[in-house]
Amino acid sequence: MGNFSDFLKVYMLYILAIIAIPVVDSFVGFDTGDEGVLVAWNVIFASIAVFIAVCLKFRNLIGFPDFSLSQILLILPPLMYASFFLIYDTSTQSHGWRFLAITTANFLAVALVEELLFRGILLNVLSSYFSLRGVLVMGSTIFGMTHLLNTLHSEFSNAAVQSFAAILTGFFLCVIYLRTGSLWPPILLHFVWDLGLNLMNSTTGVSDDFSMSSGIASEASPTIFVLLGATALVFPNFLYGLWLSRKVQLLSLEVVPETGR
């Protein structure tokens, strides 16, 4: 299933790329102007690094099968929920093409690199050491705690809120990956969720502590309202993941076939 030391090497490569943002942005940060969105170069570099590592070491470990009807139906409820934020934003705000292009590229890179690393590689590696319950707990916790890296460009309390929300979301994405056996569904959900919430944030000022990404964070100090709001937004996804997890076998990472039950 994979060696944990191999995962750590890729993970440290990812971490180094993420924490390089202060240095990288000082040289190649790209501002779109009035709308003030930056290319997330750290995430772009991390995506390239993880992709290369996957091709060299983990290419036989990660599944990218085609979408099936059952997979589409499985992710339809959370996809509709995440799409609400995109619909809300497009109906209330008009963005420039450069803003949309760079924002889309940023969050597409985030979704790709984080799903490759935390679902595609980490879950398969953890399955060599833990039962399914341990895999879900460890996988979602490592994913969530990684978001504390946002302390590099925001307050610790702000990053902590995002980290907690990411733990709940990480559990949901872990289950989606295990139930479908493919990275495409969690990548799609991750991307639409991050993009929708952050576009809405640009319109309403709602804190983007709720996003799944570890590459971008708000500088605003969180309040109890923000903490409760972050939990409330991601909790439906967590509950859906909890419900889906009943059909994933505990000791193997094989999906239990759907029944008429």
Protein backbone atom coordinates (compact mmCIF):
# COMPACT_ATOMS: atom_id res chain seq x y z
CA MET A 1 0.00 0.00 0.00
CA GLY A 2 2.94 2.35 0.33
CA ASN A 3 5.70 3.30 2.71
CA PHE A 4 5.15 6.04 5.30
CA SER A 5 8.68 7.36 4.85
CA ASP A 6 7.95 7.86 1.15
CA PHE A 7 4.85 9.87 2.06
CA LEU A 8 6.87 11.98 4.51
CA LYS A 9 9.34 12.87 1.77
CA VAL A 10 6.55 14.10 -0.50
CA TYR A 11 4.81 15.81 2.42
CA MET A 12 7.96 17.70 3.40
CA LEU A 13 8.41 18.73 -0.22
CA TYR A 14 4.86 20.08 -0.13
CA ILE A 15 5.46 21.90 3.17
CA LEU A 16 8.65 23.50 1.89
CA ALA A 17 6.82 24.75 -1.20
CA ILE A 18 4.01 26.19 0.93
CA ILE A 19 6.24 28.02 3.43
CA ALA A 20 8.29 29.51 0.59
CA ILE A 21 5.46 31.97 -0.12
CA PRO A 22 7.07 35.01 1.60
CA VAL A 23 10.25 34.59 -0.44
CA VAL A 24 8.57 33.64 -3.71
CA ASP A 25 5.98 36.42 -3.58
CA SER A 26 8.68 39.00 -2.94
CA PHE A 27 10.11 38.16 -6.36
CA VAL A 28 7.29 36.83 -8.54
CA GLY A 29 4.05 37.76 -6.78
CA PHE A 30 1.53 38.72 -9.46
CA ASP A 31 -1.13 41.27 -8.63
CA THR A 32 -4.07 41.67 -10.97
CA GLY A 33 -4.45 45.32 -10.02
CA ASP A 34 -7.68 46.72 -8.68
CA GLU A 35 -9.09 43.37 -7.68
CA GLY A 36 -5.91 42.47 -5.81
CA VAL A 37 -5.72 38.70 -6.20
CA LEU A 38 -2.31 37.02 -6.24
CA VAL A 39 -1.20 33.91 -7.98
CA ALA A 40 -0.65 31.35 -5.21
CA TRP A 41 2.84 30.49 -6.36
CA ASN A 42 3.49 28.29 -3.35
CA VAL A 43 0.52 26.11 -4.27
CA ILE A 44 1.54 26.06 -7.94
CA PHE A 45 5.07 24.94 -7.01
CA ALA A 46 3.68 22.41 -4.52
CA SER A 47 1.37 21.01 -7.20
CA ILE A 48 4.25 20.53 -9.61
CA ALA A 49 6.45 18.93 -6.94
CA VAL A 50 3.76 16.52 -5.75
CA PHE A 51 2.75 15.65 -9.32
CA ILE A 52 6.34 14.75 -10.18
CA ALA A 53 6.67 12.69 -7.00
CA VAL A 54 3.45 10.88 -7.80
CA CYS A 55 4.61 10.07 -11.32
CA LEU A 56 7.94 8.76 -10.04
CA LYS A 57 6.92 6.90 -6.90
CA PHE A 58 3.17 6.52 -6.49
CA ARG A 59 1.80 6.21 -10.03
CA ASN A 60 0.47 2.69 -9.35
CA LEU A 61 -1.08 3.68 -6.02
CA ILE A 62 -3.53 6.36 -7.05
CA GLY A 63 -6.80 5.72 -8.86
CA PHE A 64 -8.21 7.95 -11.58
CA PRO A 65 -10.96 5.77 -13.07
CA ASP A 66 -13.65 7.35 -15.19
CA PHE A 67 -16.73 8.82 -13.58
CA SER A 68 -19.61 6.39 -13.26
CA LEU A 69 -23.28 7.16 -12.74
CA SER A 70 -23.13 5.80 -9.20
CA GLN A 71 -20.24 8.14 -8.38
CA ILE A 72 -22.11 11.12 -9.79
CA LEU A 73 -25.19 10.29 -7.72
CA LEU A 74 -23.02 9.79 -4.64
CA ILE A 75 -21.46 13.26 -4.80
CA LEU A 76 -24.53 15.07 -6.15
CA PRO A 77 -25.87 16.32 -2.75
CA PRO A 78 -22.57 17.90 -1.57
CA LEU A 79 -21.84 19.15 -5.09
CA MET A 80 -25.21 20.95 -5.19
CA TYR A 81 -24.50 22.37 -1.72
CA ALA A 82 -21.09 23.68 -2.80
CA SER A 83 -22.50 24.99 -6.09
CA PHE A 84 -24.92 27.19 -4.17
CA PHE A 85 -22.07 29.54 -3.26
CA LEU A 86 -21.00 29.80 -6.90
CA ILE A 87 -24.56 30.53 -7.98
CA TYR A 88 -24.97 33.10 -5.24
CA ASP A 89 -21.79 34.89 -6.27
CA THR A 90 -22.47 34.90 -10.02
CA SER A 91 -25.97 36.24 -9.42
CA THR A 92 -24.82 39.11 -7.22
CA GLN A 93 -21.37 40.06 -8.49
CA SER A 94 -19.51 40.62 -11.75
CA HIS A 95 -15.78 39.78 -11.67
CA GLY A 96 -13.10 40.66 -14.18
CA TRP A 97 -11.74 37.84 -16.33
CA ARG A 98 -8.25 38.11 -14.81
CA PHE A 99 -9.63 37.77 -11.30
CA LEU A 100 -11.69 34.73 -12.27
CA ALA A 101 -8.85 33.12 -14.23
CA ILE A 102 -6.27 33.48 -11.45
CA THR A 103 -8.69 32.53 -8.68
CA THR A 104 -9.81 29.45 -10.62
CA ALA A 105 -6.20 28.43 -11.31
CA ASN A 106 -5.26 28.89 -7.65
CA PHE A 107 -8.04 26.70 -6.31
CA LEU A 108 -7.75 24.10 -9.04
CA ALA A 109 -4.08 23.72 -8.07
CA VAL A 110 -5.08 23.50 -4.39
CA ALA A 111 -7.67 20.79 -5.07
CA LEU A 112 -5.30 18.74 -7.24
CA VAL A 113 -2.27 18.85 -4.94
CA GLU A 114 -4.14 18.30 -1.69
CA GLU A 115 -6.25 15.42 -3.01
CA LEU A 116 -3.21 13.74 -4.57
CA LEU A 117 -1.27 14.08 -1.33
CA PHE A 118 -3.83 13.68 1.44
CA ARG A 119 -6.28 11.27 -0.18
CA GLY A 120 -4.39 9.56 -3.00
CA ILE A 121 -1.12 8.93 -1.16
CA LEU A 122 -1.75 9.37 2.57
CA LEU A 123 -4.85 7.18 2.86
CA ASN A 124 -3.24 4.32 0.99
CA VAL A 125 -0.11 4.57 3.15
CA LEU A 126 -2.09 4.76 6.40
CA SER A 127 -4.09 1.69 5.42
CA SER A 128 -0.91 -0.35 5.88
CA TYR A 129 -0.80 0.61 9.57
CA PHE A 130 -4.35 1.29 10.78
CA SER A 131 -7.91 0.05 10.55
CA LEU A 132 -10.33 2.12 8.51
CA ARG A 133 -11.36 4.06 11.60
CA GLY A 134 -7.74 4.97 12.27
CA VAL A 135 -7.20 5.85 8.61
CA LEU A 136 -10.13 8.27 8.66
CA VAL A 137 -9.11 9.89 11.95
CA MET A 138 -5.42 10.18 11.09
CA GLY A 139 -6.02 11.23 7.49
CA SER A 140 -8.47 14.01 8.33
CA THR A 141 -6.40 15.21 11.31
CA ILE A 142 -3.16 15.47 9.33
CA PHE A 143 -5.03 17.30 6.57
CA GLY A 144 -6.62 19.71 9.02
CA MET A 145 -3.49 20.39 11.07
CA THR A 146 -1.57 21.22 7.91
CA HIS A 147 -3.81 24.27 7.58
CA LEU A 148 -2.01 25.74 10.59
CA LEU A 149 0.61 26.76 8.02
CA ASN A 150 -1.68 29.71 7.38
CA THR A 151 -0.12 31.30 10.47
CA LEU A 152 2.60 32.38 8.01
CA HIS A 153 0.27 35.03 6.64
CA SER A 154 -2.57 35.32 9.17
CA GLU A 155 -3.16 35.18 12.91
CA PHE A 156 -2.88 31.82 14.67
CA SER A 157 -6.48 31.96 15.89
CA ASN A 158 -7.62 32.51 12.32
CA ALA A 159 -5.61 29.53 11.06
CA ALA A 160 -6.89 27.41 13.96
CA VAL A 161 -10.50 28.01 12.88
CA GLN A 162 -9.66 26.96 9.34
CA SER A 163 -7.78 23.93 10.66
CA PHE A 164 -10.78 22.73 12.66
CA ALA A 165 -13.09 23.17 9.68
CA ALA A 166 -10.58 21.33 7.48
CA ILE A 167 -10.53 18.33 9.85
CA LEU A 168 -14.30 17.91 9.45
CA THR A 169 -14.07 18.42 5.71
CA GLY A 170 -11.09 16.09 5.47
CA PHE A 171 -13.15 13.28 6.97
CA PHE A 172 -15.84 13.86 4.35
CA LEU A 173 -13.33 13.86 1.46
CA CYS A 174 -11.63 10.71 2.81
CA VAL A 175 -14.92 8.85 2.76
CA ILE A 176 -15.77 10.11 -0.73
CA TYR A 177 -12.43 8.82 -2.00
CA LEU A 178 -12.85 5.43 -0.31
CA ARG A 179 -16.42 5.02 -1.48
CA THR A 180 -15.71 5.90 -5.11
CA GLY A 181 -12.17 4.52 -5.41
CA SER A 182 -11.28 7.56 -7.50
CA LEU A 183 -9.68 10.94 -6.87
CA TRP A 184 -11.87 12.74 -9.40
CA PRO A 185 -14.91 13.11 -7.06
CA PRO A 186 -12.97 14.62 -4.10
CA ILE A 187 -10.97 16.85 -6.48
CA LEU A 188 -14.18 18.18 -8.02
CA LEU A 189 -15.86 18.73 -4.64
CA HIS A 190 -12.74 20.33 -3.17
CA PHE A 191 -12.39 22.70 -6.12
CA VAL A 192 -16.04 23.80 -6.30
CA TRP A 193 -16.20 24.28 -2.52
CA ASP A 194 -13.08 26.43 -2.31
CA LEU A 195 -13.89 28.45 -5.40
CA GLY A 196 -17.51 29.12 -4.41
CA LEU A 197 -16.75 30.15 -0.83
CA ASN A 198 -13.84 32.38 -1.75
CA LEU A 199 -15.73 34.11 -4.55
CA MET A 200 -18.56 34.70 -2.10
CA ASN A 201 -16.00 36.04 0.35
CA SER A 202 -14.84 38.57 -2.26
CA THR A 203 -18.45 39.69 -2.61
CA THR A 204 -19.77 39.64 0.96
CA GLY A 205 -16.65 39.71 3.11
CA VAL A 206 -17.52 36.36 4.68
CA SER A 207 -14.32 34.90 6.14
CA ASP A 208 -12.68 32.27 3.94
CA ASP A 209 -11.71 30.29 7.02
CA PHE A 210 -14.36 27.89 5.76
CA SER A 211 -12.40 26.88 2.66
CA MET A 212 -10.59 23.55 2.36
CA SER A 213 -7.43 25.04 0.95
CA SER A 214 -4.23 25.55 2.87
CA GLY A 215 -2.82 28.02 0.40
CA ILE A 216 -5.01 31.05 1.05
CA ALA A 217 -6.33 32.51 4.28
CA SER A 218 -8.06 35.61 5.54
CA GLU A 219 -6.20 38.11 7.67
CA ALA A 220 -9.22 38.99 9.77
CA SER A 221 -9.32 37.92 13.39
CA PRO A 222 -11.94 35.22 13.98
CA THR A 223 -14.77 35.61 16.44
CA ILE A 224 -17.03 33.09 18.12
CA PHE A 225 -19.47 33.76 15.27
CA VAL A 226 -16.82 32.85 12.70
CA LEU A 227 -15.92 29.66 14.57
CA LEU A 228 -19.56 28.63 14.80
CA GLY A 229 -20.13 29.69 11.21
CA ALA A 230 -17.19 27.65 9.95
CA THR A 231 -18.47 24.60 11.80
CA ALA A 232 -22.03 25.13 10.59
CA LEU A 233 -20.98 25.40 6.96
CA VAL A 234 -18.86 22.25 6.88
CA PHE A 235 -20.95 20.16 9.29
CA PRO A 236 -23.46 18.99 6.64
CA ASN A 237 -20.54 17.61 4.62
CA PHE A 238 -19.17 15.88 7.73
CA LEU A 239 -22.54 14.31 8.51
CA TYR A 240 -22.91 13.14 4.92
CA GLY A 241 -19.45 11.59 5.08
CA LEU A 242 -20.35 9.91 8.38
CA TRP A 243 -23.48 8.45 6.77
CA LEU A 244 -21.54 7.22 3.73
CA SER A 245 -18.82 5.64 5.87
CA ARG A 246 -21.20 2.91 7.03
CA LYS A 247 -20.67 1.14 3.69
CA VAL A 248 -16.88 1.22 3.71
CA GLN A 249 -15.38 -1.93 5.20
CA LEU A 250 -13.46 -1.37 8.45
CA LEU A 251 -10.37 -3.51 7.92
CA SER A 252 -9.89 -3.21 4.17
CA LEU A 253 -10.28 -0.15 2.00
CA GLU A 254 -12.72 -1.88 -0.29
CA VAL A 255 -16.08 -0.32 -0.98
CA VAL A 256 -19.09 -2.39 0.00
CA PRO A 257 -21.35 -2.75 -3.07
CA GLU A 258 -24.57 -0.82 -3.05
CA THR A 259 -27.66 -2.82 -2.08
CA GLY A 260 -31.33 -2.09 -2.06
CA ARG A 261 -31.16 -1.47 1.66
